[in-house]
Amino acid sequence: MTKQEKQTIKEKIEDDIKLLKAQIIDLETKVKPISPDCGLGRLTRLEAMGEQHVNNKVLDEARMRLTRLSNALQRIDKPMFGICIECEESIGIGRMSVRPESVRCVECAALQQ
């Protein structure tokens, strides 16, 4: 991977981190507990609780991705960045451009699932 490619990926990581931090702040306001005495009807309250559950899942995913991106940012200047941890082949600039936190190539990631 060239220095220019790494720089482009680093910028993508930094942008993604900023977006995720903003998304996490927004989601944290949406997952606050719904008080039982709030003025919602029974069905509306159940819908709000269902939406809260979905937002909790999205929040968990956002936090995990933020951690993976932060780790990728720390690894980007190391020689093994962009190398698959399974087969030790290059991950590929296409995949790294889309998912810069990737630690497996497409083939190994498919086998993992």
N, C-alpha and C. Protein backbone atom coordinates (compact mmCIF):
# COMPACT_ATOMS: atom_id res chain seq x y z
N MET A 1 0.85 -1.17 0.00
CA MET A 1 0.00 0.00 0.00
C MET A 1 0.90 1.24 0.00
N THR A 2 0.60 2.17 -0.90
CA THR A 2 1.43 3.36 -1.02
C THR A 2 1.12 4.35 0.11
N LYS A 3 2.02 5.32 0.28
CA LYS A 3 1.80 6.35 1.30
C LYS A 3 0.55 7.16 0.99
N GLN A 4 0.32 7.43 -0.30
CA GLN A 4 -0.87 8.20 -0.69
C GLN A 4 -2.15 7.42 -0.37
N GLU A 5 -2.14 6.12 -0.63
CA GLU A 5 -3.31 5.30 -0.31
C GLU A 5 -3.56 5.27 1.19
N LYS A 6 -2.48 5.16 1.96
CA LYS A 6 -2.61 5.17 3.42
C LYS A 6 -3.15 6.51 3.91
N GLN A 7 -2.69 7.59 3.29
CA GLN A 7 -3.16 8.92 3.68
C GLN A 7 -4.65 9.07 3.38
N THR A 8 -5.08 8.58 2.23
CA THR A 8 -6.50 8.63 1.86
C THR A 8 -7.33 7.82 2.85
N ILE A 9 -6.85 6.65 3.21
CA ILE A 9 -7.56 5.80 4.17
C ILE A 9 -7.58 6.45 5.55
N LYS A 10 -6.47 7.08 5.93
CA LYS A 10 -6.42 7.76 7.23
C LYS A 10 -7.46 8.87 7.29
N GLU A 11 -7.59 9.63 6.21
CA GLU A 11 -8.60 10.69 6.16
C GLU A 11 -10.00 10.11 6.26
N LYS A 12 -10.23 8.98 5.59
CA LYS A 12 -11.53 8.31 5.65
C LYS A 12 -11.83 7.87 7.08
N ILE A 13 -10.84 7.30 7.74
CA ILE A 13 -11.01 6.86 9.13
C ILE A 13 -11.38 8.05 10.01
N GLU A 14 -10.64 9.14 9.87
CA GLU A 14 -10.90 10.32 10.70
C GLU A 14 -12.30 10.88 10.44
N ASP A 15 -12.72 10.91 9.17
CA ASP A 15 -14.07 11.37 8.83
C ASP A 15 -15.13 10.45 9.43
N ASP A 16 -14.91 9.14 9.29
CA ASP A 16 -15.87 8.16 9.83
C ASP A 16 -15.97 8.28 11.35
N ILE A 17 -14.84 8.52 12.01
CA ILE A 17 -14.85 8.67 13.47
C ILE A 17 -15.69 9.89 13.86
N LYS A 18 -15.52 11.00 13.15
CA LYS A 18 -16.30 12.21 13.46
C LYS A 18 -17.79 11.93 13.28
N LEU A 19 -18.15 11.27 12.17
CA LEU A 19 -19.56 10.97 11.92
C LEU A 19 -20.13 10.03 12.98
N LEU A 20 -19.36 9.02 13.35
CA LEU A 20 -19.83 8.07 14.36
C LEU A 20 -20.01 8.73 15.72
N LYS A 21 -19.10 9.62 16.09
CA LYS A 21 -19.23 10.31 17.38
C LYS A 21 -20.51 11.13 17.42
N ALA A 22 -20.82 11.82 16.31
CA ALA A 22 -22.06 12.59 16.24
C ALA A 22 -23.27 11.67 16.29
N GLN A 23 -23.20 10.55 15.58
CA GLN A 23 -24.30 9.59 15.57
C GLN A 23 -24.52 9.01 16.96
N ILE A 24 -23.44 8.71 17.66
CA ILE A 24 -23.54 8.15 19.01
C ILE A 24 -24.21 9.14 19.96
N ILE A 25 -23.84 10.41 19.87
CA ILE A 25 -24.46 11.43 20.72
C ILE A 25 -25.96 11.48 20.46
N ASP A 26 -26.34 11.46 19.18
CA ASP A 26 -27.76 11.49 18.81
C ASP A 26 -28.49 10.25 19.33
N LEU A 27 -27.87 9.09 19.15
CA LEU A 27 -28.51 7.85 19.60
C LEU A 27 -28.64 7.78 21.11
N GLU A 28 -27.67 8.33 21.82
CA GLU A 28 -27.73 8.29 23.29
C GLU A 28 -28.95 9.03 23.82
N THR A 29 -29.37 10.08 23.10
CA THR A 29 -30.58 10.79 23.53
C THR A 29 -31.84 9.98 23.21
N LYS A 30 -31.76 9.13 22.20
CA LYS A 30 -32.93 8.34 21.80
C LYS A 30 -33.12 7.07 22.62
N VAL A 31 -32.12 6.68 23.38
CA VAL A 31 -32.23 5.43 24.15
C VAL A 31 -32.44 5.67 25.64
N LYS A 32 -32.73 6.90 26.00
CA LYS A 32 -33.01 7.17 27.41
C LYS A 32 -34.28 6.42 27.81
N PRO A 33 -34.34 5.97 29.05
CA PRO A 33 -35.52 5.21 29.50
C PRO A 33 -36.82 6.00 29.31
N ILE A 34 -37.86 5.27 28.95
CA ILE A 34 -39.18 5.86 28.77
C ILE A 34 -39.93 5.66 30.09
N SER A 35 -40.29 6.75 30.72
CA SER A 35 -40.95 6.62 32.02
C SER A 35 -42.36 6.05 31.86
N PRO A 36 -42.77 5.23 32.81
CA PRO A 36 -44.09 4.59 32.71
C PRO A 36 -45.25 5.59 32.82
N ASP A 37 -44.98 6.74 33.40
CA ASP A 37 -46.07 7.70 33.58
C ASP A 37 -46.11 8.77 32.50
N CYS A 38 -45.31 8.61 31.44
CA CYS A 38 -45.33 9.62 30.38
C CYS A 38 -46.69 9.57 29.67
N GLY A 39 -47.07 10.65 29.05
CA GLY A 39 -48.41 10.81 28.50
C GLY A 39 -48.68 10.05 27.22
N LEU A 40 -48.00 8.96 26.97
CA LEU A 40 -48.24 8.17 25.77
C LEU A 40 -49.31 7.12 26.04
N GLY A 41 -50.06 6.78 25.03
CA GLY A 41 -51.00 5.68 25.14
C GLY A 41 -50.23 4.37 25.22
N ARG A 42 -50.94 3.29 25.54
CA ARG A 42 -50.29 1.99 25.72
C ARG A 42 -49.55 1.55 24.45
N LEU A 43 -50.22 1.61 23.29
CA LEU A 43 -49.59 1.19 22.04
C LEU A 43 -48.44 2.10 21.65
N THR A 44 -48.64 3.39 21.82
CA THR A 44 -47.58 4.34 21.48
C THR A 44 -46.36 4.10 22.35
N ARG A 45 -46.59 3.80 23.63
CA ARG A 45 -45.47 3.53 24.53
C ARG A 45 -44.74 2.26 24.11
N LEU A 46 -45.48 1.22 23.71
CA LEU A 46 -44.85 -0.02 23.24
C LEU A 46 -44.05 0.23 21.96
N GLU A 47 -44.58 1.05 21.08
CA GLU A 47 -43.84 1.40 19.86
C GLU A 47 -42.56 2.14 20.21
N ALA A 48 -42.66 3.07 21.16
CA ALA A 48 -41.48 3.83 21.58
C ALA A 48 -40.44 2.90 22.19
N MET A 49 -40.90 1.91 22.95
CA MET A 49 -39.96 0.96 23.56
C MET A 49 -39.32 0.08 22.48
N GLY A 50 -40.09 -0.30 21.46
CA GLY A 50 -39.52 -1.07 20.35
C GLY A 50 -38.48 -0.26 19.60
N GLU A 51 -38.79 1.01 19.36
CA GLU A 51 -37.83 1.89 18.68
C GLU A 51 -36.58 2.08 19.53
N GLN A 52 -36.78 2.19 20.83
CA GLN A 52 -35.65 2.33 21.74
C GLN A 52 -34.74 1.10 21.67
N HIS A 53 -35.34 -0.08 21.58
CA HIS A 53 -34.57 -1.32 21.47
C HIS A 53 -33.73 -1.33 20.19
N VAL A 54 -34.34 -0.93 19.09
CA VAL A 54 -33.62 -0.85 17.81
C VAL A 54 -32.48 0.15 17.92
N ASN A 55 -32.76 1.31 18.51
CA ASN A 55 -31.72 2.33 18.66
C ASN A 55 -30.58 1.85 19.55
N ASN A 56 -30.89 1.04 20.56
CA ASN A 56 -29.84 0.46 21.41
C ASN A 56 -28.91 -0.43 20.59
N LYS A 57 -29.49 -1.24 19.70
CA LYS A 57 -28.68 -2.11 18.84
C LYS A 57 -27.79 -1.27 17.92
N VAL A 58 -28.37 -0.24 17.32
CA VAL A 58 -27.61 0.63 16.42
C VAL A 58 -26.50 1.33 17.20
N LEU A 59 -26.80 1.77 18.41
CA LEU A 59 -25.81 2.43 19.26
C LEU A 59 -24.66 1.47 19.59
N ASP A 60 -24.97 0.24 19.93
CA ASP A 60 -23.93 -0.76 20.22
C ASP A 60 -23.03 -0.97 19.00
N GLU A 61 -23.63 -1.10 17.83
CA GLU A 61 -22.86 -1.29 16.59
C GLU A 61 -21.97 -0.08 16.32
N ALA A 62 -22.51 1.13 16.53
CA ALA A 62 -21.74 2.35 16.29
C ALA A 62 -20.54 2.42 17.24
N ARG A 63 -20.75 2.06 18.49
CA ARG A 63 -19.65 2.08 19.46
C ARG A 63 -18.58 1.05 19.09
N MET A 64 -19.00 -0.13 18.67
CA MET A 64 -18.02 -1.16 18.28
C MET A 64 -17.23 -0.70 17.05
N ARG A 65 -17.92 -0.11 16.07
CA ARG A 65 -17.21 0.35 14.87
C ARG A 65 -16.26 1.49 15.23
N LEU A 66 -16.67 2.38 16.13
CA LEU A 66 -15.80 3.46 16.57
C LEU A 66 -14.52 2.90 17.19
N THR A 67 -14.65 1.86 17.99
CA THR A 67 -13.47 1.22 18.59
C THR A 67 -12.58 0.62 17.51
N ARG A 68 -13.19 -0.08 16.53
CA ARG A 68 -12.40 -0.68 15.45
C ARG A 68 -11.70 0.39 14.62
N LEU A 69 -12.38 1.50 14.36
CA LEU A 69 -11.76 2.59 13.58
C LEU A 69 -10.63 3.23 14.37
N SER A 70 -10.82 3.42 15.66
CA SER A 70 -9.75 3.99 16.50
C SER A 70 -8.53 3.08 16.50
N ASN A 71 -8.77 1.78 16.58
CA ASN A 71 -7.66 0.82 16.51
C ASN A 71 -6.97 0.88 15.16
N ALA A 72 -7.74 1.00 14.09
CA ALA A 72 -7.16 1.09 12.74
C ALA A 72 -6.31 2.35 12.61
N LEU A 73 -6.76 3.44 13.20
CA LEU A 73 -6.00 4.69 13.15
C LEU A 73 -4.66 4.53 13.86
N GLN A 74 -4.63 3.76 14.93
CA GLN A 74 -3.37 3.52 15.64
C GLN A 74 -2.44 2.60 14.85
N ARG A 75 -3.03 1.69 14.05
CA ARG A 75 -2.23 0.72 13.29
C ARG A 75 -1.78 1.23 11.92
N ILE A 76 -2.34 2.32 11.43
CA ILE A 76 -2.18 2.69 10.03
C ILE A 76 -0.72 2.88 9.62
N ASP A 77 0.13 3.31 10.51
CA ASP A 77 1.53 3.54 10.15
C ASP A 77 2.41 2.31 10.38
N LYS A 78 1.82 1.24 10.85
CA LYS A 78 2.58 0.01 11.06
C LYS A 78 2.64 -0.80 9.76
N PRO A 79 3.70 -1.56 9.56
CA PRO A 79 3.88 -2.30 8.30
C PRO A 79 2.78 -3.33 8.02
N MET A 80 2.14 -3.87 9.05
CA MET A 80 1.12 -4.90 8.85
C MET A 80 -0.26 -4.34 8.54
N PHE A 81 -0.40 -3.01 8.53
CA PHE A 81 -1.71 -2.42 8.21
C PHE A 81 -2.07 -2.77 6.77
N GLY A 82 -3.28 -3.25 6.57
CA GLY A 82 -3.72 -3.63 5.23
C GLY A 82 -3.35 -5.05 4.86
N ILE A 83 -2.81 -5.81 5.82
CA ILE A 83 -2.45 -7.21 5.61
C ILE A 83 -3.44 -8.08 6.40
N CYS A 84 -3.98 -9.07 5.74
CA CYS A 84 -4.97 -9.98 6.36
C CYS A 84 -4.32 -10.74 7.52
N ILE A 85 -5.03 -10.79 8.65
CA ILE A 85 -4.49 -11.50 9.82
C ILE A 85 -4.59 -13.01 9.67
N GLU A 86 -5.35 -13.48 8.70
CA GLU A 86 -5.51 -14.92 8.49
C GLU A 86 -4.49 -15.45 7.48
N CYS A 87 -4.52 -14.90 6.25
CA CYS A 87 -3.68 -15.45 5.18
C CYS A 87 -2.43 -14.61 4.91
N GLU A 88 -2.32 -13.45 5.56
CA GLU A 88 -1.18 -12.55 5.43
C GLU A 88 -0.99 -12.00 4.02
N GLU A 89 -2.06 -11.97 3.24
CA GLU A 89 -2.05 -11.33 1.92
C GLU A 89 -2.57 -9.90 2.08
N SER A 90 -2.31 -9.06 1.08
CA SER A 90 -2.82 -7.70 1.09
C SER A 90 -4.34 -7.71 1.05
N ILE A 91 -4.96 -6.87 1.85
CA ILE A 91 -6.42 -6.83 1.92
C ILE A 91 -7.01 -6.23 0.65
N GLY A 92 -6.37 -5.30 0.05
CA GLY A 92 -6.89 -4.69 -1.17
C GLY A 92 -7.42 -3.30 -0.89
N ILE A 93 -7.03 -2.37 -1.74
CA ILE A 93 -7.37 -0.97 -1.52
C ILE A 93 -8.88 -0.74 -1.61
N GLY A 94 -9.57 -1.51 -2.44
CA GLY A 94 -11.02 -1.35 -2.56
C GLY A 94 -11.73 -1.60 -1.24
N ARG A 95 -11.40 -2.71 -0.62
CA ARG A 95 -12.01 -3.04 0.69
C ARG A 95 -11.58 -2.05 1.75
N MET A 96 -10.31 -1.69 1.76
CA MET A 96 -9.81 -0.76 2.78
C MET A 96 -10.42 0.63 2.61
N SER A 97 -10.77 0.99 1.38
CA SER A 97 -11.40 2.29 1.15
C SER A 97 -12.82 2.32 1.70
N VAL A 98 -13.49 1.18 1.67
CA VAL A 98 -14.87 1.11 2.14
C VAL A 98 -14.93 0.81 3.64
N ARG A 99 -14.13 -0.15 4.09
CA ARG A 99 -14.10 -0.56 5.49
C ARG A 99 -12.66 -0.50 5.99
N PRO A 100 -12.16 0.71 6.30
CA PRO A 100 -10.75 0.85 6.66
C PRO A 100 -10.36 0.11 7.94
N GLU A 101 -11.34 -0.32 8.71
CA GLU A 101 -11.03 -1.06 9.94
C GLU A 101 -10.84 -2.54 9.68
N SER A 102 -10.95 -2.97 8.44
CA SER A 102 -10.84 -4.39 8.09
C SER A 102 -9.49 -4.96 8.48
N VAL A 103 -9.53 -6.18 9.03
CA VAL A 103 -8.29 -6.89 9.37
C VAL A 103 -8.20 -8.20 8.59
N ARG A 104 -9.25 -8.49 7.81
CA ARG A 104 -9.26 -9.71 6.97
C ARG A 104 -9.58 -9.33 5.53
N CYS A 105 -9.02 -10.08 4.60
CA CYS A 105 -9.35 -9.89 3.19
C CYS A 105 -10.77 -10.40 2.94
N VAL A 106 -11.31 -10.13 1.77
CA VAL A 106 -12.68 -10.53 1.46
C VAL A 106 -12.85 -12.04 1.58
N GLU A 107 -11.90 -12.79 1.06
CA GLU A 107 -12.00 -14.25 1.09
C GLU A 107 -12.02 -14.79 2.52
N CYS A 108 -11.09 -14.33 3.34
CA CYS A 108 -11.02 -14.80 4.72
C CYS A 108 -12.21 -14.31 5.54
N ALA A 109 -12.69 -13.11 5.26
CA ALA A 109 -13.87 -12.60 5.96
C ALA A 109 -15.09 -13.44 5.62
N ALA A 110 -15.20 -13.88 4.36
CA ALA A 110 -16.33 -14.73 3.95
C ALA A 110 -16.26 -16.08 4.66
N LEU A 111 -15.06 -16.61 4.83
CA LEU A 111 -14.91 -17.89 5.54
C LEU A 111 -15.24 -17.75 7.02
N GLN A 112 -14.99 -16.57 7.57
CA GLN A 112 -15.24 -16.30 8.99
C GLN A 112 -16.73 -16.33 9.31
N GLN A 113 -17.55 -15.95 8.33
CA GLN A 113 -18.99 -15.88 8.56
C GLN A 113 -19.56 -17.20 8.30
